[in-house]
Protein backbone atom coordinates (compact mmCIF):
# COMPACT_ATOMS: atom_id res chain seq x y z
CA UNK A 1 -17.69 -10.95 0.79
CA UNK A 2 -14.96 -13.42 1.98
CA UNK A 3 -11.25 -12.29 2.63
CA UNK A 4 -8.59 -14.99 2.61
CA UNK A 5 -5.33 -14.15 3.83
CA UNK A 6 -3.52 -17.75 3.75
CA UNK A 7 -2.09 -19.87 0.88
CA UNK A 8 -2.31 -23.63 1.01
CA UNK A 9 1.21 -24.88 0.62
CA UNK A 10 2.80 -28.18 1.14
CA UNK A 11 -0.43 -29.68 2.78
CA UNK A 12 -1.10 -26.96 5.33
CA UNK A 13 -2.54 -23.26 5.47
CA UNK A 14 0.21 -20.54 6.00
CA UNK A 15 0.26 -16.88 5.87
CA UNK A 16 1.05 -15.18 2.66
CA UNK A 17 4.26 -13.52 2.64
CA UNK A 18 3.06 -10.21 1.08
CA UNK A 19 -0.06 -8.00 1.89
CA UNK A 20 -1.36 -7.69 -1.68
CA UNK A 21 -4.89 -9.30 -2.75
CA UNK A 22 -6.41 -10.23 -6.07
CA UNK A 23 -10.27 -9.92 -6.46
CA UNK A 24 -12.26 -13.00 -7.33
CA UNK A 25 -14.90 -12.03 -9.89
CA UNK A 26 -17.98 -13.82 -10.43
CA UNK A 27 -18.25 -14.25 -14.15
CA UNK A 28 -22.01 -14.28 -14.17
CA UNK A 29 -22.62 -10.86 -12.88
CA UNK A 30 -19.06 -9.46 -12.54
CA UNK A 31 -19.51 -8.86 -8.71
CA UNK A 32 -16.34 -9.21 -6.49
CA UNK A 33 -17.18 -12.36 -4.23
CA UNK A 34 -13.62 -12.73 -2.63
CA UNK A 35 -10.19 -11.35 -2.12
CA UNK A 36 -7.38 -13.80 -2.35
CA UNK A 37 -3.56 -13.26 -1.46
CA UNK A 38 -1.28 -12.33 -4.22
CA UNK A 39 1.54 -14.80 -4.16
CA UNK A 40 5.14 -13.16 -3.75
CA UNK A 41 8.33 -14.68 -4.99
CA UNK A 42 8.77 -16.09 -1.47
CA UNK A 43 5.48 -18.02 -1.69
CA UNK A 44 6.39 -19.45 -5.04
CA UNK A 45 9.59 -20.35 -3.64
CA UNK A 46 7.97 -22.22 -0.66
CA UNK A 47 5.72 -23.99 -2.99
CA UNK A 48 8.43 -25.13 -5.23
CA UNK A 49 10.35 -26.56 -2.16
CA UNK A 50 7.35 -28.52 -1.01
């Protein structure tokens, strides 16, 4: 399983502001295939500024 800890904002990968993650589930067999950062308000603000 792949674990991602960065977000693509303003043309570059950057660490997520928070530590929470969201499971990515394969719809075919409902297996968790990855975890991605759960965006925080700080991440959203950075994306909007970009």
